[in-house]
N, C-alpha and C. Protein backbone atom coordinates (compact mmCIF):
# COMPACT_ATOMS: atom_id res chain seq x y z
N MET A 1 -9.58 -34.02 -66.30
CA MET A 1 -10.42 -34.40 -67.01
C MET A 1 -10.91 -35.70 -65.40
N LYS A 2 -10.88 -35.81 -64.32
CA LYS A 2 -11.52 -36.83 -62.96
C LYS A 2 -12.02 -34.42 -62.54
N LYS A 3 -11.99 -34.94 -62.65
CA LYS A 3 -12.19 -33.59 -62.14
C LYS A 3 -13.93 -32.84 -62.56
N ILE A 4 -13.64 -32.94 -64.38
CA ILE A 4 -14.77 -32.17 -64.95
C ILE A 4 -15.89 -34.38 -64.81
N THR A 5 -15.49 -35.37 -65.08
CA THR A 5 -16.24 -36.12 -65.13
C THR A 5 -17.26 -35.87 -63.87
N LEU A 6 -16.25 -36.34 -62.48
CA LEU A 6 -16.98 -36.77 -61.04
C LEU A 6 -17.84 -34.76 -60.71
N PHE A 7 -17.45 -33.41 -61.41
CA PHE A 7 -18.50 -32.16 -61.05
C PHE A 7 -19.94 -32.69 -62.42
N LEU A 8 -19.80 -33.02 -64.33
CA LEU A 8 -21.01 -34.01 -64.42
C LEU A 8 -21.74 -35.02 -63.60
N LEU A 9 -20.99 -35.76 -63.22
CA LEU A 9 -21.91 -36.80 -62.63
C LEU A 9 -22.77 -36.53 -61.17
N PHE A 10 -21.51 -35.73 -60.95
CA PHE A 10 -22.85 -34.99 -59.20
C PHE A 10 -24.17 -33.78 -59.82
N LEU A 11 -23.55 -33.04 -61.32
CA LEU A 11 -25.28 -32.52 -62.22
C LEU A 11 -26.01 -32.87 -61.98
N ASN A 12 -26.50 -34.61 -62.76
CA ASN A 12 -26.60 -35.61 -63.07
C ASN A 12 -27.73 -35.66 -62.37
N LEU A 13 -26.34 -35.82 -60.83
CA LEU A 13 -27.31 -36.54 -59.65
C LEU A 13 -28.61 -35.82 -59.31
N VAL A 14 -27.90 -34.07 -58.70
CA VAL A 14 -29.05 -32.81 -58.71
C VAL A 14 -29.67 -33.03 -59.52
N PHE A 15 -29.68 -32.81 -61.26
CA PHE A 15 -30.71 -32.37 -62.01
C PHE A 15 -31.71 -33.63 -62.56
N GLY A 16 -30.73 -34.63 -62.37
CA GLY A 16 -32.76 -36.28 -61.66
C GLY A 16 -32.86 -36.16 -60.85
N GLN A 17 -32.53 -35.28 -59.45
CA GLN A 17 -33.26 -35.23 -58.68
C GLN A 17 -33.35 -33.88 -57.70
N ASP A 18 -34.27 -33.18 -58.37
CA ASP A 18 -34.39 -31.42 -58.11
C ASP A 18 -34.61 -31.64 -56.63
N LYS A 19 -35.50 -32.33 -55.77
CA LYS A 19 -35.28 -32.77 -54.39
C LYS A 19 -34.27 -32.37 -53.68
N ILE A 20 -33.76 -32.99 -54.11
CA ILE A 20 -32.13 -33.10 -53.60
C ILE A 20 -31.55 -31.55 -52.95
N LEU A 21 -31.79 -30.65 -54.09
CA LEU A 21 -30.86 -29.64 -53.90
C LEU A 21 -32.22 -28.89 -53.73
N ASN A 22 -33.10 -28.80 -53.02
CA ASN A 22 -34.16 -28.05 -53.73
C ASN A 22 -34.48 -28.54 -51.57
N ASN A 23 -34.10 -29.77 -50.85
CA ASN A 23 -34.08 -29.99 -49.68
C ASN A 23 -33.17 -29.93 -48.43
N TRP A 24 -32.33 -28.83 -50.19
CA TRP A 24 -30.40 -28.43 -49.07
C TRP A 24 -31.14 -27.17 -48.41
N PHE A 25 -31.37 -26.20 -49.01
CA PHE A 25 -31.78 -25.05 -48.87
C PHE A 25 -32.92 -25.38 -47.80
N LYS A 26 -33.53 -25.63 -48.05
CA LYS A 26 -34.99 -26.19 -46.84
C LYS A 26 -34.38 -26.45 -45.24
N GLU A 27 -33.40 -27.33 -45.40
CA GLU A 27 -32.39 -27.56 -44.52
C GLU A 27 -32.10 -25.96 -43.12
N TYR A 28 -31.12 -25.39 -44.68
CA TYR A 28 -30.87 -24.19 -43.82
C TYR A 28 -31.48 -22.88 -44.13
N ASN A 29 -33.41 -23.05 -43.56
CA ASN A 29 -34.01 -22.53 -43.85
C ASN A 29 -33.98 -20.80 -44.55
N THR A 30 -33.19 -21.46 -46.10
CA THR A 30 -33.23 -20.54 -46.88
C THR A 30 -33.62 -20.80 -48.92
N SER A 31 -33.95 -19.64 -49.45
CA SER A 31 -34.14 -20.19 -50.42
C SER A 31 -33.02 -19.88 -51.77
N GLY A 32 -33.35 -21.00 -53.01
CA GLY A 32 -32.14 -20.37 -53.97
C GLY A 32 -32.15 -21.11 -55.04
N THR A 33 -32.45 -20.72 -56.23
CA THR A 33 -32.04 -21.19 -57.15
C THR A 33 -30.78 -22.10 -58.26
N PHE A 34 -29.87 -22.67 -58.89
CA PHE A 34 -29.13 -23.18 -59.89
C PHE A 34 -29.12 -22.81 -60.84
N VAL A 35 -28.62 -22.35 -61.12
CA VAL A 35 -28.80 -22.50 -62.53
C VAL A 35 -27.53 -22.65 -63.70
N PHE A 36 -27.39 -24.20 -64.13
CA PHE A 36 -26.39 -24.03 -64.78
C PHE A 36 -26.58 -24.15 -67.00
N TYR A 37 -25.53 -23.86 -67.53
CA TYR A 37 -25.49 -23.51 -68.55
C TYR A 37 -24.31 -23.93 -69.43
N ASP A 38 -24.40 -25.29 -69.83
CA ASP A 38 -23.05 -25.93 -70.75
C ASP A 38 -22.42 -25.37 -71.96
N GLY A 39 -22.84 -24.62 -72.59
CA GLY A 39 -23.09 -24.28 -73.55
C GLY A 39 -24.05 -24.56 -74.82
N LYS A 40 -24.71 -25.13 -74.64
CA LYS A 40 -25.43 -25.75 -75.33
C LYS A 40 -27.63 -26.06 -74.60
N THR A 41 -27.14 -26.15 -72.79
CA THR A 41 -27.85 -26.69 -72.53
C THR A 41 -28.43 -25.94 -71.29
N TRP A 42 -29.60 -26.31 -70.88
CA TRP A 42 -30.11 -24.80 -69.81
C TRP A 42 -29.97 -26.10 -68.16
N ALA A 43 -29.72 -26.46 -67.57
CA ALA A 43 -30.31 -26.81 -66.24
C ALA A 43 -30.17 -26.42 -64.88
N SER A 44 -31.53 -26.73 -63.75
CA SER A 44 -32.19 -25.32 -62.65
C SER A 44 -32.86 -26.33 -62.26
N ASN A 45 -32.54 -26.45 -61.03
CA ASN A 45 -33.52 -26.88 -59.91
C ASN A 45 -35.05 -25.99 -60.20
N ASP A 46 -34.93 -25.37 -60.55
CA ASP A 46 -36.40 -23.98 -60.26
C ASP A 46 -36.81 -22.85 -61.18
N PHE A 47 -36.71 -23.12 -62.70
CA PHE A 47 -36.67 -22.43 -64.37
C PHE A 47 -36.91 -21.27 -63.83
N SER A 48 -38.47 -21.56 -62.96
CA SER A 48 -39.28 -20.06 -62.87
C SER A 48 -38.96 -19.15 -61.79
N ARG A 49 -38.41 -19.44 -61.25
CA ARG A 49 -37.42 -18.50 -59.65
C ARG A 49 -36.35 -18.02 -60.58
N ALA A 50 -35.90 -18.36 -61.18
CA ALA A 50 -34.44 -17.73 -61.89
C ALA A 50 -34.67 -17.51 -63.11
N MET A 51 -35.86 -17.36 -63.61
CA MET A 51 -35.49 -15.99 -64.65
C MET A 51 -36.20 -14.95 -63.80
N GLU A 52 -36.85 -14.22 -62.04
CA GLU A 52 -37.30 -13.46 -62.06
C GLU A 52 -35.22 -12.68 -61.23
N THR A 53 -36.25 -11.04 -61.02
CA THR A 53 -34.43 -10.68 -60.49
C THR A 53 -34.41 -10.87 -59.54
N PHE A 54 -33.49 -10.57 -59.23
CA PHE A 54 -32.95 -10.26 -57.96
C PHE A 54 -31.84 -9.12 -57.20
N SER A 55 -31.97 -9.01 -56.95
CA SER A 55 -30.40 -7.98 -55.97
C SER A 55 -29.28 -8.89 -55.30
N PRO A 56 -28.35 -8.54 -56.14
CA PRO A 56 -27.19 -8.95 -55.87
C PRO A 56 -27.30 -8.75 -54.01
N ALA A 57 -27.65 -7.84 -54.06
CA ALA A 57 -27.74 -7.46 -52.15
C ALA A 57 -26.07 -8.22 -50.77
N SER A 58 -25.80 -8.07 -51.09
CA SER A 58 -24.87 -8.12 -49.62
C SER A 58 -23.42 -8.38 -50.96
N THR A 59 -23.76 -9.52 -51.47
CA THR A 59 -22.34 -10.22 -52.11
C THR A 59 -21.36 -7.87 -52.99
N PHE A 60 -21.63 -7.03 -53.53
CA PHE A 60 -21.22 -6.35 -53.27
C PHE A 60 -21.36 -5.45 -52.49
N LYS A 61 -22.31 -5.41 -51.72
CA LYS A 61 -22.24 -4.16 -50.94
C LYS A 61 -20.40 -3.17 -50.73
N ILE A 62 -19.95 -3.99 -50.24
CA ILE A 62 -18.06 -3.74 -50.12
C ILE A 62 -17.82 -3.37 -51.26
N PHE A 63 -17.22 -4.12 -52.87
CA PHE A 63 -17.16 -3.18 -53.91
C PHE A 63 -17.09 -1.80 -54.22
N ASN A 64 -18.92 -2.13 -54.19
CA ASN A 64 -19.88 -1.40 -54.68
C ASN A 64 -19.29 0.09 -53.87
N ALA A 65 -19.39 0.51 -52.86
CA ALA A 65 -18.54 1.22 -51.70
C ALA A 65 -17.45 1.40 -52.65
N LEU A 66 -16.47 0.40 -52.47
CA LEU A 66 -15.01 1.78 -52.70
C LEU A 66 -14.85 1.81 -53.98
N ILE A 67 -15.72 1.54 -55.14
CA ILE A 67 -15.61 1.83 -56.85
C ILE A 67 -16.27 3.64 -56.57
N ALA A 68 -17.68 3.14 -55.49
CA ALA A 68 -18.66 4.91 -55.57
C ALA A 68 -17.60 6.42 -54.54
N LEU A 69 -16.06 5.31 -53.71
CA LEU A 69 -15.67 5.86 -53.27
C LEU A 69 -14.02 6.81 -54.35
N ASP A 70 -13.74 5.17 -54.85
CA ASP A 70 -12.34 5.66 -55.54
C ASP A 70 -13.09 7.13 -56.48
N SER A 71 -13.90 6.41 -57.29
CA SER A 71 -14.15 8.00 -58.11
C SER A 71 -15.09 9.12 -57.54
N GLY A 72 -15.40 8.35 -56.06
CA GLY A 72 -15.71 10.77 -56.06
C GLY A 72 -17.36 11.00 -55.67
N VAL A 73 -18.12 9.29 -56.29
CA VAL A 73 -19.84 10.10 -56.48
C VAL A 73 -19.90 9.80 -54.20
N ILE A 74 -19.23 9.31 -54.29
CA ILE A 74 -19.40 9.90 -52.59
C ILE A 74 -17.51 10.43 -52.31
N LYS A 75 -18.21 11.51 -51.58
CA LYS A 75 -16.92 12.32 -51.13
C LYS A 75 -15.87 11.28 -50.07
N THR A 76 -16.55 11.29 -48.56
CA THR A 76 -16.40 10.69 -46.90
C THR A 76 -17.56 8.99 -47.04
N LYS A 77 -16.41 8.49 -46.00
CA LYS A 77 -17.84 7.04 -44.97
C LYS A 77 -18.54 7.51 -44.46
N LYS A 78 -18.52 8.90 -44.25
CA LYS A 78 -20.04 9.29 -43.15
C LYS A 78 -21.23 9.65 -44.25
N GLU A 79 -20.72 10.17 -45.31
CA GLU A 79 -22.13 10.42 -46.35
C GLU A 79 -23.18 9.55 -46.81
N ILE A 80 -24.24 10.07 -46.82
CA ILE A 80 -25.51 9.50 -46.77
C ILE A 80 -25.26 8.72 -48.21
N PHE A 81 -25.54 6.96 -47.87
CA PHE A 81 -24.93 6.71 -49.62
C PHE A 81 -26.65 6.31 -50.06
N TYR A 82 -27.75 5.46 -49.43
CA TYR A 82 -28.83 6.01 -50.47
C TYR A 82 -29.75 5.41 -48.55
N HIS A 83 -31.46 5.15 -48.70
CA HIS A 83 -32.43 5.10 -47.82
C HIS A 83 -32.35 3.65 -48.02
N TYR A 84 -32.65 2.54 -46.74
CA TYR A 84 -33.77 1.81 -46.81
C TYR A 84 -34.69 1.59 -46.23
N ARG A 85 -35.76 1.22 -46.32
CA ARG A 85 -36.44 1.49 -45.32
C ARG A 85 -36.63 3.04 -44.35
N GLY A 86 -36.50 3.53 -45.24
CA GLY A 86 -36.64 5.27 -44.70
C GLY A 86 -35.64 5.48 -43.47
N GLU A 87 -34.74 5.00 -43.42
CA GLU A 87 -33.79 4.47 -42.84
C GLU A 87 -32.74 5.10 -43.08
N LYS A 88 -31.48 5.91 -42.32
CA LYS A 88 -30.48 5.85 -43.64
C LYS A 88 -29.34 5.30 -43.28
N VAL A 89 -28.51 5.14 -44.03
CA VAL A 89 -27.76 4.03 -44.03
C VAL A 89 -25.94 4.57 -44.62
N PHE A 90 -25.32 4.46 -43.90
CA PHE A 90 -23.91 5.24 -44.23
C PHE A 90 -22.44 4.33 -44.91
N LEU A 91 -22.14 4.27 -45.38
CA LEU A 91 -20.41 3.10 -45.71
C LEU A 91 -20.72 1.83 -44.43
C-alpha cells in the first residue's frame, strides 16, 4: 500500500507540474511522452504528442527478428530483412 501511495504522490507532482517531466526530456536531449491511465482518468505531459503514431523503434527489433526466424519468414540471418534509407539491413 505504501508503494501505491508513493506512486500516486509522484504522479500528482508530475502532472501538477508538467514542466518537471518536460525538463527531464530536455536535460537528456530527447523527447517523449508519458501517459497514465488509472481506469477512469487519463493524465499526460503532452496529450497532443501522445495522440501521434510512432514506431516502437529498437524496442522490438530483437524480439521481431527472433519471431521472423522462428516462423520461417526469414530463412537465415544473412537474408535482407528490410531497407532503411535505401541501405540493405540484415538481422
